[in-house]
Protein backbone atom coordinates (compact mmCIF):
# COMPACT_ATOMS: atom_id res chain seq x y z
CA MET A 1 -0.02 0.03 0.00
CA ALA A 2 2.87 2.26 0.87
CA ALA A 3 4.75 1.77 -2.60
CA PHE A 4 1.37 2.13 -4.36
CA GLY A 5 0.86 5.34 -2.55
CA THR A 6 4.13 6.66 -3.47
CA ALA A 7 4.03 5.94 -6.88
CA ALA A 8 0.60 7.60 -7.37
CA GLY A 9 2.07 10.79 -6.01
CA ARG A 10 4.76 11.03 -8.17
CA PRO A 11 4.07 13.28 -11.50
CA LEU A 12 3.92 11.37 -14.49
CA GLN A 13 6.66 11.97 -17.13
CA GLY A 14 6.00 12.47 -20.99
CA ARG A 15 2.76 14.32 -20.35
CA GLY A 16 3.10 17.22 -22.93
CA GLY A 17 6.27 18.67 -24.32
CA SER A 18 8.99 20.50 -22.71
CA LEU A 19 8.78 24.41 -22.28
CA GLY A 20 11.93 24.70 -24.55
CA PHE A 21 10.24 22.57 -27.46
CA ARG A 22 6.89 24.69 -27.20
CA PHE A 23 8.81 27.90 -27.17
CA ALA A 24 10.84 26.75 -30.34
CA LEU A 25 7.58 25.46 -32.20
CA TYR A 26 5.67 28.67 -31.42
CA ALA A 27 8.65 30.91 -32.57
CA THR A 28 9.15 28.91 -35.67
CA LEU A 29 5.16 29.31 -36.37
CA ALA A 30 5.53 33.24 -35.62
CA VAL A 31 8.36 33.57 -38.11
CA VAL A 32 6.64 31.62 -40.79
CA ILE A 33 3.43 33.85 -40.60
CA MET A 34 5.42 37.16 -40.35
CA TYR A 35 7.20 35.96 -43.53
CA LEU A 36 4.20 34.95 -45.52
CA ASP A 37 2.45 38.33 -44.43
CA GLN A 38 5.44 40.39 -45.43
CA ARG A 39 6.02 38.80 -48.70
CA GLN A 40 2.89 37.10 -49.73
CA HIS A 41 0.30 39.08 -47.91
CA TYR A 42 -1.83 36.18 -46.81
CA LEU A 43 -3.05 38.26 -43.74
CA GLU A 44 -4.42 41.13 -45.44
CA TRP A 45 -8.05 39.80 -45.41
CA LEU A 46 -7.76 38.70 -41.54
CA ARG A 47 -6.38 42.22 -40.78
CA TYR A 48 -9.36 43.84 -42.73
CA VAL A 49 -11.79 41.68 -40.60
CA LEU A 50 -9.93 42.46 -37.52
CA GLN A 51 -9.86 46.01 -38.03
CA ALA A 52 -13.64 46.09 -38.69
CA THR A 53 -14.14 44.13 -35.49
CA ALA A 54 -11.98 46.27 -33.38
CA TYR A 55 -13.44 49.60 -34.67
CA PRO A 56 -16.63 49.76 -32.59
CA VAL A 57 -14.28 48.85 -29.56
CA GLN A 58 -11.95 51.76 -30.22
CA LEU A 59 -15.05 54.23 -30.57
CA ALA A 60 -16.42 52.76 -27.12
CA VAL A 61 -12.95 53.47 -25.53
CA ASN A 62 -12.73 57.04 -27.12
CA SER A 63 -16.45 57.89 -26.32
CA PRO A 64 -15.97 58.91 -22.49
CA PRO A 65 -13.68 61.86 -23.44
CA ALA A 66 -16.16 62.92 -26.40
CA ALA A 67 -18.96 62.44 -23.80
CA TRP A 68 -17.23 64.66 -21.47
CA ALA A 69 -16.56 67.50 -23.77
CA TRP A 70 -19.92 67.52 -24.78
CA LEU A 71 -21.27 68.13 -21.36
CA ARG A 72 -18.87 70.66 -20.76
CA GLN A 73 -19.89 72.45 -23.69
CA THR A 74 -23.38 72.13 -22.90
CA PHE A 75 -22.77 73.70 -19.60
CA GLU A 76 -20.87 76.73 -20.68
CA SER A 77 -21.70 80.14 -19.33
CA ARG A 78 -23.84 82.59 -21.16
CA GLU A 79 -21.29 85.42 -20.87
CA ARG A 80 -18.37 83.26 -22.46
CA LEU A 81 -20.71 82.06 -25.26
CA GLN A 82 -21.61 85.87 -25.86
CA ALA A 83 -18.07 86.90 -25.90
CA GLU A 84 -17.00 84.21 -28.16
CA ASN A 85 -19.85 85.12 -30.54
CA ALA A 86 -18.82 88.66 -30.76
CA ARG A 87 -15.10 87.62 -31.30
CA LEU A 88 -16.33 85.59 -34.28
CA ARG A 89 -18.29 88.24 -35.81
CA ALA A 90 -15.47 90.56 -35.78
CA ALA A 91 -13.23 88.12 -37.30
CA GLN A 92 -15.91 87.32 -39.92
CA ARG A 93 -15.90 91.10 -41.02
CA ASP A 94 -12.31 91.12 -41.32
CA LEU A 95 -12.13 88.02 -43.50
CA GLU A 96 -14.99 89.37 -45.57
CA LEU A 97 -12.85 92.37 -46.40
CA ARG A 98 -9.68 90.39 -46.98
CA SER A 99 -11.66 88.30 -49.55
CA LEU A 100 -12.64 91.35 -51.62
CA SER A 101 -9.04 92.02 -52.17
CA TYR A 102 -8.04 88.51 -52.53
CA GLU A 103 -10.63 88.10 -55.44
CA ALA A 104 -9.36 91.20 -57.28
CA LEU A 105 -5.55 89.71 -56.80
CA ALA A 106 -6.83 86.28 -58.15
CA ARG A 107 -8.43 87.70 -61.13
CA GLU A 108 -5.26 89.89 -62.18
CA ASN A 109 -3.02 86.88 -61.32
CA GLY A 110 -5.44 84.80 -63.79
CA GLU A 111 -4.94 87.04 -66.53
CA LEU A 112 -1.27 87.44 -66.29
CA ARG A 113 -0.64 83.85 -66.10
CA GLY A 114 -3.38 82.75 -68.41
CA LEU A 115 -1.56 79.20 -69.45
CA ARG A 116 -1.04 78.37 -65.79
CA ALA A 117 -4.95 79.18 -65.06
CA ALA A 118 -5.92 76.95 -67.96
CA LEU A 119 -4.46 74.04 -66.42
CA PRO A 120 -6.93 71.94 -64.62
CA PRO A 121 -6.29 71.68 -60.62
CA ILE A 122 -4.39 68.76 -59.56
CA ALA A 123 -6.75 67.85 -56.70
CA ASP A 124 -9.87 66.14 -58.42
CA ARG A 125 -11.85 65.60 -55.11
CA TRP A 126 -11.13 65.66 -51.47
CA LEU A 127 -12.81 64.18 -48.40
CA ALA A 128 -12.88 65.44 -44.85
CA ALA A 129 -12.10 62.93 -42.13
CA GLU A 130 -12.23 63.03 -38.36
CA ILE A 131 -9.42 61.60 -36.18
CA VAL A 132 -10.67 59.02 -33.86
CA ASN A 133 -7.21 57.96 -32.13
CA ILE A 134 -3.82 58.93 -32.31
CA GLN A 135 -0.34 57.27 -31.52
CA LEU A 136 2.51 59.71 -30.99
CA SER A 137 5.37 57.43 -29.54
CA SER A 138 8.99 56.99 -30.22
CA LEU A 139 8.36 53.83 -32.31
CA ARG A 140 4.93 54.65 -33.98
CA GLN A 141 3.35 57.88 -35.33
CA ARG A 142 -0.08 56.71 -36.65
CA LEU A 143 -3.61 58.34 -36.90
CA LEU A 144 -7.05 56.49 -37.08
CA ILE A 145 -9.57 58.04 -39.04
CA ASN A 146 -13.33 57.54 -39.49
CA ARG A 147 -13.25 57.03 -43.36
CA GLY A 148 -12.71 53.58 -45.03
CA ALA A 149 -13.26 51.57 -48.07
CA VAL A 150 -16.94 52.30 -48.25
CA ASN A 151 -15.89 55.90 -48.82
CA GLY A 152 -13.53 55.21 -51.68
CA VAL A 153 -10.46 55.35 -49.59
CA PHE A 154 -7.37 53.28 -50.79
CA LYS A 155 -4.23 52.27 -49.66
CA ALA A 156 -1.23 54.72 -50.01
CA GLN A 157 -3.51 57.73 -50.39
CA ALA A 158 -2.31 61.20 -49.66
CA VAL A 159 -3.72 62.82 -46.36
CA LEU A 160 -3.26 66.59 -45.92
CA ASP A 161 -4.47 69.25 -43.53
CA ALA A 162 -4.92 73.05 -44.30
CA ARG A 163 -1.06 73.85 -43.79
CA GLY A 164 0.76 70.89 -45.52
CA LEU A 165 1.33 67.31 -45.55
CA ILE A 166 0.53 64.83 -42.76
CA GLY A 167 1.14 61.28 -44.03
CA GLN A 168 -0.69 58.48 -46.11
CA THR A 169 -2.95 55.70 -45.44
CA THR A 170 -1.39 52.27 -44.85
CA HIS A 171 -4.23 50.04 -43.52
CA VAL A 172 -7.93 50.61 -44.86
CA GLY A 173 -10.91 48.87 -43.31
CA PRO A 174 -14.57 49.27 -44.16
CA TRP A 175 -15.34 52.27 -42.01
CA SER A 176 -11.83 53.36 -40.87
CA ALA A 177 -8.14 53.79 -42.00
CA GLU A 178 -4.80 53.95 -40.48
CA VAL A 179 -2.53 56.83 -41.39
CA ILE A 180 1.10 56.71 -41.14
CA LEU A 181 2.61 60.17 -40.34
CA ILE A 182 5.52 61.75 -42.12
CA THR A 183 7.09 61.70 -38.66
CA ASP A 184 7.13 58.05 -38.20
CA PRO A 185 10.48 56.44 -38.33
CA GLU A 186 9.40 53.96 -40.99
CA HIS A 187 8.14 56.85 -43.17
CA ALA A 188 10.16 58.85 -46.04
CA VAL A 189 9.14 61.49 -48.29
CA PRO A 190 10.77 62.70 -51.28
CA VAL A 191 11.04 66.43 -51.26
CA ARG A 192 12.48 69.41 -52.93
CA ILE A 193 14.34 72.31 -51.41
CA GLU A 194 12.10 75.13 -52.90
CA ARG A 195 14.77 77.91 -53.05
CA THR A 196 17.52 75.60 -54.91
CA GLY A 197 15.35 72.90 -56.41
CA LEU A 198 17.53 70.14 -54.68
CA ARG A 199 15.88 66.82 -54.25
CA THR A 200 16.39 64.82 -51.17
CA ILE A 201 14.43 62.63 -48.86
CA ALA A 202 12.91 63.67 -45.50
CA VAL A 203 12.68 60.62 -42.83
CA GLY A 204 10.58 60.63 -39.73
CA ALA A 205 12.64 61.44 -36.71
CA ALA A 206 9.83 59.74 -34.14
CA ASP A 207 9.17 63.19 -33.05
CA ALA A 208 5.79 64.95 -33.89
CA THR A 209 7.80 68.12 -34.36
CA SER A 210 10.85 67.16 -36.30
CA LEU A 211 11.92 65.52 -39.65
CA ALA A 212 15.72 64.60 -40.52
CA LEU A 213 17.27 64.98 -43.89
CA PRO A 214 20.11 62.26 -43.48
CA TYR A 215 21.17 62.11 -47.04
CA LEU A 216 22.51 65.58 -47.92
CA PRO A 217 26.33 66.15 -48.17
CA ALA A 218 27.97 68.75 -45.92
CA ASN A 219 28.28 71.03 -49.14
CA ALA A 220 24.81 71.14 -50.03
CA ASP A 221 23.18 74.50 -50.52
CA ILE A 222 20.51 74.44 -47.69
CA GLN A 223 19.99 76.79 -44.83
CA SER A 224 17.77 77.39 -41.93
CA GLY A 225 14.37 78.64 -43.06
CA ASP A 226 14.23 76.92 -46.50
CA LEU A 227 10.87 75.52 -47.58
CA LEU A 228 10.56 71.84 -48.32
CA VAL A 229 7.92 70.72 -50.86
CA THR A 230 6.86 67.44 -52.29
CA SER A 231 8.98 66.45 -55.44
CA GLY A 232 6.25 64.39 -56.97
CA LEU A 233 8.46 61.21 -57.04
CA GLY A 234 7.49 57.98 -55.41
CA GLY A 235 4.06 57.79 -56.75
CA VAL A 236 2.12 59.09 -53.83
CA PHE A 237 2.33 62.83 -53.19
CA PRO A 238 1.85 65.31 -55.89
CA GLN A 239 4.79 67.92 -56.44
CA GLY A 240 4.64 71.42 -54.81
CA TYR A 241 2.83 70.55 -51.54
CA PRO A 242 4.39 72.09 -48.55
CA VAL A 243 6.00 69.57 -46.26
CA ALA A 244 8.30 71.40 -43.58
CA ARG A 245 10.72 74.06 -43.05
CA VAL A 246 14.59 73.93 -42.19
CA THR A 247 15.26 74.69 -38.58
CA VAL A 248 18.69 73.23 -37.91
CA VAL A 249 21.56 72.83 -40.22
CA HIS A 250 24.86 71.55 -38.74
CA ARG A 251 28.12 70.70 -40.71
CA ASP A 252 31.17 68.87 -39.44
CA ALA A 253 34.68 69.14 -41.08
CA VAL A 254 35.18 65.33 -40.45
CA GLN A 255 31.74 64.16 -41.46
CA PRO A 256 30.66 63.78 -45.22
CA LEU A 257 27.16 64.32 -44.59
CA ALA A 258 25.43 67.60 -43.04
CA HIS A 259 22.93 67.08 -40.11
CA VAL A 260 19.91 68.91 -41.08
CA ARG A 261 16.38 68.91 -39.02
CA ALA A 262 12.98 70.42 -40.37
CA GLU A 263 9.92 71.02 -38.56
CA PRO A 264 6.56 69.75 -40.36
CA LEU A 265 4.04 72.47 -41.42
CA ALA A 266 1.11 70.37 -40.41
CA HIS A 267 0.02 70.53 -36.81
CA ILE A 268 0.24 66.92 -36.24
CA ASP A 269 -0.31 66.86 -32.44
CA THR A 270 -3.34 69.41 -32.47
CA ASP A 271 -5.23 68.63 -35.56
CA SER A 272 -8.68 67.02 -35.15
CA GLU A 273 -9.50 66.64 -38.86
CA VAL A 274 -7.48 65.79 -42.03
CA MET A 275 -8.40 65.66 -45.73
CA LEU A 276 -8.03 62.62 -48.13
CA VAL A 277 -7.16 63.88 -51.61
CA TRP A 278 -7.65 62.42 -55.03
CA PHE A 279 -5.46 63.51 -57.89
CA HIS A 280 -5.81 63.76 -61.61
CA ALA A 281 -3.42 61.47 -63.06
CA ASP A 282 -2.87 63.46 -66.24
CA HIS A 283 -1.86 66.78 -64.61
CA PRO A 284 1.96 67.68 -64.82
CA ALA A 285 2.33 67.87 -61.03
CA ALA A 286 0.79 64.57 -60.52
CA PRO A 287 2.96 61.99 -58.85
CA THR A 288 5.23 59.91 -61.00
CA ARG A 289 5.60 56.24 -60.52
CA ALA A 290 8.42 54.15 -61.79
CA SER A 291 6.42 51.88 -63.98
CA ASP A 292 4.86 54.96 -65.73
CA SER A 293 7.99 56.18 -66.73
CA LEU A 294 8.78 52.95 -68.79
CA GLY A 295 7.30 52.15 -72.13
CA GLU A 296 4.82 54.47 -74.30
CA LEU A 297 3.67 57.76 -72.89
CA LYS A 298 -0.04 58.04 -72.24
CA SER A 299 -0.26 61.66 -73.16
CA GLY A 300 1.47 64.62 -74.67
CA LYS A 301 2.63 65.44 -78.31
CA LEU A 302 2.93 62.82 -80.63
CA SER A 303 6.36 64.13 -81.84
CA MET A 304 7.61 63.46 -78.00
CA GLN A 305 6.24 59.87 -78.09
CA PRO A 306 8.94 56.87 -78.55
CA GLN A 307 8.91 56.19 -82.33
CA ALA A 308 9.27 52.91 -83.62
CA ALA A 309 12.54 52.18 -85.66
CA PRO A 310 12.47 52.06 -89.43
CA PRO A 311 12.58 48.32 -90.71
CA ARG A 312 15.85 47.28 -92.21
CA PRO A 313 15.78 46.81 -96.25
CA PRO A 314 15.68 43.13 -97.08
CA ALA A 315 18.92 41.27 -98.00
CA ALA A 316 19.35 40.46 -101.55
CA ALA A 317 18.72 36.59 -102.18
CA PRO A 318 21.86 34.85 -103.53
CA GLY A 319 21.63 33.98 -107.22
CA PRO A 320 23.80 32.37 -109.82
CA PRO A 321 27.09 34.17 -110.92
CA ALA A 322 26.53 36.58 -113.62
CA ALA A 323 28.35 35.73 -117.06
CA ALA A 324 30.77 37.99 -118.31
CA PRO A 325 29.29 40.07 -120.96
CA GLN A 326 30.13 39.15 -124.54
CA PRO A 327 30.98 41.88 -127.02
CA ALA A 328 28.62 42.18 -129.98
CA ALA A 329 29.81 41.33 -133.38
CA ALA A 330 31.99 44.14 -135.25
CA GLY A 331 32.00 46.07 -132.00
CA LEU A 332 28.26 46.75 -131.92
CA SER A 333 26.10 46.75 -128.93
CA CYS A 334 23.11 44.37 -128.13
CA THR A 335 20.72 47.22 -129.10
CA ASP A 336 22.91 48.25 -132.43
CA ALA A 337 23.02 44.63 -133.37
CA ALA A 338 19.18 44.08 -132.90
CA VAL A 339 18.62 47.24 -135.01
CA GLY A 340 20.61 45.94 -137.70
CA ALA A 341 19.12 42.66 -137.88
CA GLY A 342 15.66 44.30 -138.52
CA GLN A 343 14.40 43.43 -134.68
CA PRO A 344 12.72 46.14 -132.66
CA ARG A 345 14.88 48.36 -130.33
CA ASP A 346 14.73 46.16 -127.24
CA GLY A 347 18.38 46.00 -126.10
CA HIS A 348 17.79 45.11 -122.44
CA ARG A 349 15.55 41.81 -123.43
CA LEU A 350 17.99 40.90 -125.94
CA CYS A 351 21.07 41.19 -123.81
CA GLY A 352 19.39 39.15 -121.16
CA ASP A 353 18.54 36.48 -123.69
CA ARG A 354 21.97 36.27 -124.99
CA ARG A 355 23.57 36.18 -121.44
CA LEU A 356 21.23 33.16 -120.81
CA ALA A 357 22.47 31.24 -123.89
CA ASP A 358 26.12 32.05 -123.07
CA LEU A 359 25.43 30.45 -119.52
CA ARG A 360 23.84 27.44 -120.86
CA LEU A 361 26.82 27.02 -123.44
CA PHE A 362 29.34 27.16 -120.35
CA ARG A 363 27.35 24.67 -118.26
CA ALA A 364 27.53 22.13 -121.45
CA ARG A 365 31.32 22.73 -121.81
CA CYS A 366 31.81 22.03 -118.13
CA ARG A 367 29.66 18.50 -118.19
CA GLY A 368 31.54 17.68 -121.29
CA ALA A 369 34.96 18.21 -119.65
CA LEU A 370 33.85 16.25 -116.57
CA SER A 371 32.82 13.46 -118.55
CA ARG A 372 36.20 13.22 -120.23
CA ILE A 373 38.18 12.80 -116.80
CA PRO A 374 39.58 9.17 -116.03
CA PRO A 375 37.63 7.43 -113.28
CA GLN A 376 41.01 6.61 -111.61
CA LEU A 377 41.40 10.17 -110.49
């Protein structure tokens, strides 16, 4: 009985795998799933469904601050609302006076730049979106907006505000979309210095108020205060949209590259609404993709299109060797001989018939000479 009780109290060996084996199995499975998602995009549909499922939860999590703000606005004092109303009326009058002068300047500018005014606007249409959630950490700089695939939003769509560029969409769900900011460390924007036209790349510095330009040489013509605009390369952002303004330019004599920092023009940390923009693909300032720069042009002058190479002339077919021309009798040409014989003046036909007869005679003589060669040779 004691021996049986001792054996029963011992833990059974072999039940389940060891911790090391399970860890290796789960790690291998995780690596395989990450590789398939990165290379083959097998988990796009799963991410789409999970994002649609998580959107109501995100709204519920963010609803208490919104409810509190609504209650606080409801119980505002009468005097504060009246003062704000008076201030807004004064600002409206000021804006109306300014708009009159702006309209006159716009008409004059349109007359002076008729060619530029004739071009269609690059922005085809736009859609306002509210920011539902924002992540501003050292590893992720992302936004969640309340517009998705049902509104026509697509992946890698440009997102702007009233001051400049904000970022582009990365994951699009049915009713929401995730936006990666230009300040995210995984994001890069092809930009151009407006003063000099120098092209470079602005990389996110994991800070909502800073961008890095790590690919400028030390002798680059850049200075503090320069405006950075989009260059139109990369196939996402059109050219000419403001991005940031240079704030720090540091050059070291022993370093080949300059240390340059820029401040984004968009108020990323205070914006409550953003704009999703669709662009005209045939506009000169539209973003250019690498695949569009190859092959035939889709628009433009016909003389500027790639032209087909002219065909080569066909090679002459090899024929029998022409026989040496034989002089006509008494030094006369073929035409003269034909005329003297009473035939019509068709020298070309007569010469051709004579050459054919000479060639046949030459072949007959060659066959006769070959038949007289002894077989022993």
